[in-house]
Amino acid sequence: QVQLVESGGGLVQAGGSLRLSCAASSRTSSSYHMGWFRQAPGKAREFVASINWHGTTTYYADSVKGRFTISRDNAKNTTYLQMNSLKPEDTAAYFCAAAKFMTRSPNGIEYWGQGTQVTVSS
């Protein structure tokens, strides 16, 4: 069982930055691939970024490529999402996710965090 707790969300102006953190409860979390998804009101949950278990491979949604960076520190059981040049359309609840396989689909996720709200004002 892996519990995920996100932090770092908040309100920021367009063009600003935020760093989200996802702390995992178990040392076995280092064997999971990690990812971030987001969900805006009335919309489906969508893939944002993912990183493999040893941190050497990353994938990004086209909408965030070049602005967001995913990273992980397995010694701290923590995954990060650095978000720069934020836009109002990035406003959503952001969810940390863990899976045994690299996936862009919410259906492939084994564990979810509770979510942290990111609001970008124009």
C-alpha atoms as a PDB file:
ATOM      1  CA  GLN A   1       0.000   0.000   0.000  1.00  0.00           C
ATOM      2  CA  VAL A   2       1.339   3.431  -0.979  1.00  0.00           C
ATOM      3  CA  GLN A   3      -0.160   6.656   0.311  1.00  0.00           C
ATOM      4  CA  LEU A   4       0.535   9.846  -1.614  1.00  0.00           C
ATOM      5  CA  VAL A   5       0.220  13.355  -0.189  1.00  0.00           C
ATOM      6  CA  GLU A   6       0.520  16.413  -2.426  1.00  0.00           C
ATOM      7  CA  SER A   7       1.469  19.902  -1.341  1.00  0.00           C
ATOM      8  CA  GLY A   8       2.512  23.184  -2.911  1.00  0.00           C
ATOM      9  CA  GLY A   9      -0.647  24.263  -4.681  1.00  0.00           C
ATOM     10  CA  GLY A  10      -2.022  27.771  -4.437  1.00  0.00           C
ATOM     11  CA  LEU A  11      -2.988  30.956  -6.225  1.00  0.00           C
ATOM     12  CA  VAL A  12      -0.494  32.521  -8.630  1.00  0.00           C
ATOM     13  CA  GLN A  13      -0.607  35.153 -11.358  1.00  0.00           C
ATOM     14  CA  ALA A  14      -0.173  34.221 -14.992  1.00  0.00           C
ATOM     15  CA  GLY A  15       3.518  33.890 -15.809  1.00  0.00           C
ATOM     16  CA  GLY A  16       4.371  32.815 -12.282  1.00  0.00           C
ATOM     17  CA  SER A  17       5.730  29.563 -10.918  1.00  0.00           C
ATOM     18  CA  LEU A  18       4.791  26.893  -8.405  1.00  0.00           C
ATOM     19  CA  ARG A  19       6.427  23.658  -7.295  1.00  0.00           C
ATOM     20  CA  LEU A  20       4.227  20.765  -6.312  1.00  0.00           C
ATOM     21  CA  SER A  21       5.520  17.984  -4.085  1.00  0.00           C
ATOM     22  CA  CYS A  22       4.210  14.462  -3.638  1.00  0.00           C
ATOM     23  CA  ALA A  23       5.372  12.587  -0.556  1.00  0.00           C
ATOM     24  CA  ALA A  24       4.962   8.808  -0.574  1.00  0.00           C
ATOM     25  CA  SER A  25       4.409   6.856   2.620  1.00  0.00           C
ATOM     26  CA  SER A  26       6.345   3.750   1.717  1.00  0.00           C
ATOM     27  CA  ARG A  27       9.945   3.070   0.795  1.00  0.00           C
ATOM     28  CA  THR A  28       8.600   0.656  -1.818  1.00  0.00           C
ATOM     29  CA  SER A  29       7.282   3.705  -3.690  1.00  0.00           C
ATOM     30  CA  SER A  30      10.720   3.979  -5.312  1.00  0.00           C
ATOM     31  CA  SER A  31       9.777   0.932  -7.403  1.00  0.00           C
ATOM     32  CA  TYR A  32       6.776   2.742  -8.889  1.00  0.00           C
ATOM     33  CA  HIS A  33       6.670   5.025 -11.878  1.00  0.00           C
ATOM     34  CA  MET A  34       5.232   8.376 -10.795  1.00  0.00           C
ATOM     35  CA  GLY A  35       3.087  10.903 -12.565  1.00  0.00           C
ATOM     36  CA  TRP A  36       0.955  14.005 -12.299  1.00  0.00           C
ATOM     37  CA  PHE A  37      -2.555  14.409 -13.643  1.00  0.00           C
ATOM     38  CA  ARG A  38      -4.916  17.363 -13.431  1.00  0.00           C
ATOM     39  CA  GLN A  39      -8.632  17.886 -13.507  1.00  0.00           C
ATOM     40  CA  ALA A  40     -10.480  21.139 -14.116  1.00  0.00           C
ATOM     41  CA  PRO A  41     -14.154  21.533 -13.121  1.00  0.00           C
ATOM     42  CA  GLY A  42     -16.425  19.757 -15.576  1.00  0.00           C
ATOM     43  CA  LYS A  43     -13.530  18.158 -17.432  1.00  0.00           C
ATOM     44  CA  ALA A  44     -11.962  14.721 -17.460  1.00  0.00           C
ATOM     45  CA  ARG A  45      -8.766  14.007 -15.566  1.00  0.00           C
ATOM     46  CA  GLU A  46      -5.828  14.453 -17.928  1.00  0.00           C
ATOM     47  CA  PHE A  47      -2.189  13.420 -18.038  1.00  0.00           C
ATOM     48  CA  VAL A  48       0.413  16.088 -17.261  1.00  0.00           C
ATOM     49  CA  ALA A  49       3.767  14.365 -16.792  1.00  0.00           C
ATOM     50  CA  SER A  50       5.376  11.102 -15.739  1.00  0.00           C
ATOM     51  CA  ILE A  51       8.785   9.811 -14.657  1.00  0.00           C
ATOM     52  CA  ASN A  52      10.108   6.279 -14.468  1.00  0.00           C
ATOM     53  CA  TRP A  53      11.152   4.676 -11.200  1.00  0.00           C
ATOM     54  CA  HIS A  54      14.838   5.573 -11.477  1.00  0.00           C
ATOM     55  CA  GLY A  55      14.215   9.062 -12.831  1.00  0.00           C
ATOM     56  CA  THR A  56      15.882   8.662 -16.211  1.00  0.00           C
ATOM     57  CA  THR A  57      12.835   8.887 -18.470  1.00  0.00           C
ATOM     58  CA  THR A  58      10.153  11.573 -18.476  1.00  0.00           C
ATOM     59  CA  TYR A  59       7.070  12.278 -20.576  1.00  0.00           C
ATOM     60  CA  TYR A  60       4.963  15.421 -20.816  1.00  0.00           C
ATOM     61  CA  ALA A  61       1.642  16.465 -22.239  1.00  0.00           C
ATOM     62  CA  ASP A  62       2.105  18.772 -25.217  1.00  0.00           C
ATOM     63  CA  SER A  63       0.289  21.530 -23.346  1.00  0.00           C
ATOM     64  CA  VAL A  64       2.970  21.719 -20.630  1.00  0.00           C
ATOM     65  CA  LYS A  65       6.104  20.694 -22.520  1.00  0.00           C
ATOM     66  CA  GLY A  66       8.873  23.255 -22.024  1.00  0.00           C
ATOM     67  CA  ARG A  67       7.121  24.840 -19.017  1.00  0.00           C
ATOM     68  CA  PHE A  68       6.780  21.986 -16.500  1.00  0.00           C
ATOM     69  CA  THR A  69       9.487  19.675 -15.172  1.00  0.00           C
ATOM     70  CA  ILE A  70       8.901  16.441 -13.281  1.00  0.00           C
ATOM     71  CA  SER A  71      11.595  15.018 -11.023  1.00  0.00           C
ATOM     72  CA  ARG A  72      11.937  12.619  -8.107  1.00  0.00           C
ATOM     73  CA  ASP A  73      14.163  12.036  -5.103  1.00  0.00           C
ATOM     74  CA  ASN A  74      13.861   8.376  -4.127  1.00  0.00           C
ATOM     75  CA  ALA A  75      15.898   8.912  -0.965  1.00  0.00           C
ATOM     76  CA  LYS A  76      13.116  11.236   0.206  1.00  0.00           C
ATOM     77  CA  ASN A  77      10.254   9.241  -1.376  1.00  0.00           C
ATOM     78  CA  THR A  78       9.179  12.483  -3.031  1.00  0.00           C
ATOM     79  CA  THR A  79       8.191  13.468  -6.561  1.00  0.00           C
ATOM     80  CA  TYR A  80       8.099  17.066  -7.735  1.00  0.00           C
ATOM     81  CA  LEU A  81       6.421  19.073 -10.471  1.00  0.00           C
ATOM     82  CA  GLN A  82       8.059  22.413 -11.193  1.00  0.00           C
ATOM     83  CA  MET A  83       5.586  24.600 -13.065  1.00  0.00           C
ATOM     84  CA  ASN A  84       6.843  27.752 -14.782  1.00  0.00           C
ATOM     85  CA  SER A  85       5.180  30.295 -17.077  1.00  0.00           C
ATOM     86  CA  LEU A  86       1.800  29.326 -15.696  1.00  0.00           C
ATOM     87  CA  LYS A  87      -1.308  30.133 -17.704  1.00  0.00           C
ATOM     88  CA  PRO A  88      -4.949  30.503 -16.612  1.00  0.00           C
ATOM     89  CA  GLU A  89      -5.715  27.290 -18.505  1.00  0.00           C
ATOM     90  CA  ASP A  90      -3.394  25.433 -16.106  1.00  0.00           C
ATOM     91  CA  THR A  91      -5.967  26.025 -13.350  1.00  0.00           C
ATOM     92  CA  ALA A  92      -7.027  22.624 -12.005  1.00  0.00           C
ATOM     93  CA  ALA A  93      -6.726  20.179  -9.153  1.00  0.00           C
ATOM     94  CA  TYR A  94      -3.392  18.376  -9.555  1.00  0.00           C
ATOM     95  CA  PHE A  95      -3.104  14.737  -8.544  1.00  0.00           C
ATOM     96  CA  CYS A  96      -0.011  12.685  -7.867  1.00  0.00           C
ATOM     97  CA  ALA A  97      -0.149   9.128  -9.168  1.00  0.00           C
ATOM     98  CA  ALA A  98       1.821   5.892  -8.867  1.00  0.00           C
ATOM     99  CA  ALA A  99       1.781   2.973 -11.265  1.00  0.00           C
ATOM    100  CA  LYS A 100       3.760  -0.170 -12.037  1.00  0.00           C
ATOM    101  CA  PHE A 101       3.812   0.757 -15.723  1.00  0.00           C
ATOM    102  CA  MET A 102       4.448   4.052 -17.491  1.00  0.00           C
ATOM    103  CA  THR A 103       1.044   5.262 -18.615  1.00  0.00           C
ATOM    104  CA  ARG A 104      -0.756   8.403 -19.742  1.00  0.00           C
ATOM    105  CA  SER A 105      -4.143   6.947 -18.883  1.00  0.00           C
ATOM    106  CA  PRO A 106      -5.834   7.489 -15.514  1.00  0.00           C
ATOM    107  CA  ASN A 107      -7.080   3.897 -15.866  1.00  0.00           C
ATOM    108  CA  GLY A 108      -3.557   2.570 -15.448  1.00  0.00           C
ATOM    109  CA  ILE A 109      -2.900   4.257 -12.109  1.00  0.00           C
ATOM    110  CA  GLU A 110      -2.637   2.112  -8.980  1.00  0.00           C
ATOM    111  CA  TYR A 111      -2.476   4.836  -6.313  1.00  0.00           C
ATOM    112  CA  TRP A 112      -3.726   8.438  -6.234  1.00  0.00           C
ATOM    113  CA  GLY A 113      -3.086  11.360  -3.956  1.00  0.00           C
ATOM    114  CA  GLN A 114      -5.933  13.523  -2.684  1.00  0.00           C
ATOM    115  CA  GLY A 115      -5.090  16.433  -4.979  1.00  0.00           C
ATOM    116  CA  THR A 116      -3.882  19.996  -4.553  1.00  0.00           C
ATOM    117  CA  GLN A 117      -5.540  23.027  -6.154  1.00  0.00           C
ATOM    118  CA  VAL A 118      -3.628  25.280  -8.528  1.00  0.00           C
ATOM    119  CA  THR A 119      -5.325  28.512  -9.564  1.00  0.00           C
ATOM    120  CA  VAL A 120      -3.726  30.847 -12.107  1.00  0.00           C
ATOM    121  CA  SER A 121      -5.208  34.316 -12.365  1.00  0.00           C
ATOM    122  CA  SER A 122      -5.004  36.395 -15.537  1.00  0.00           C
END
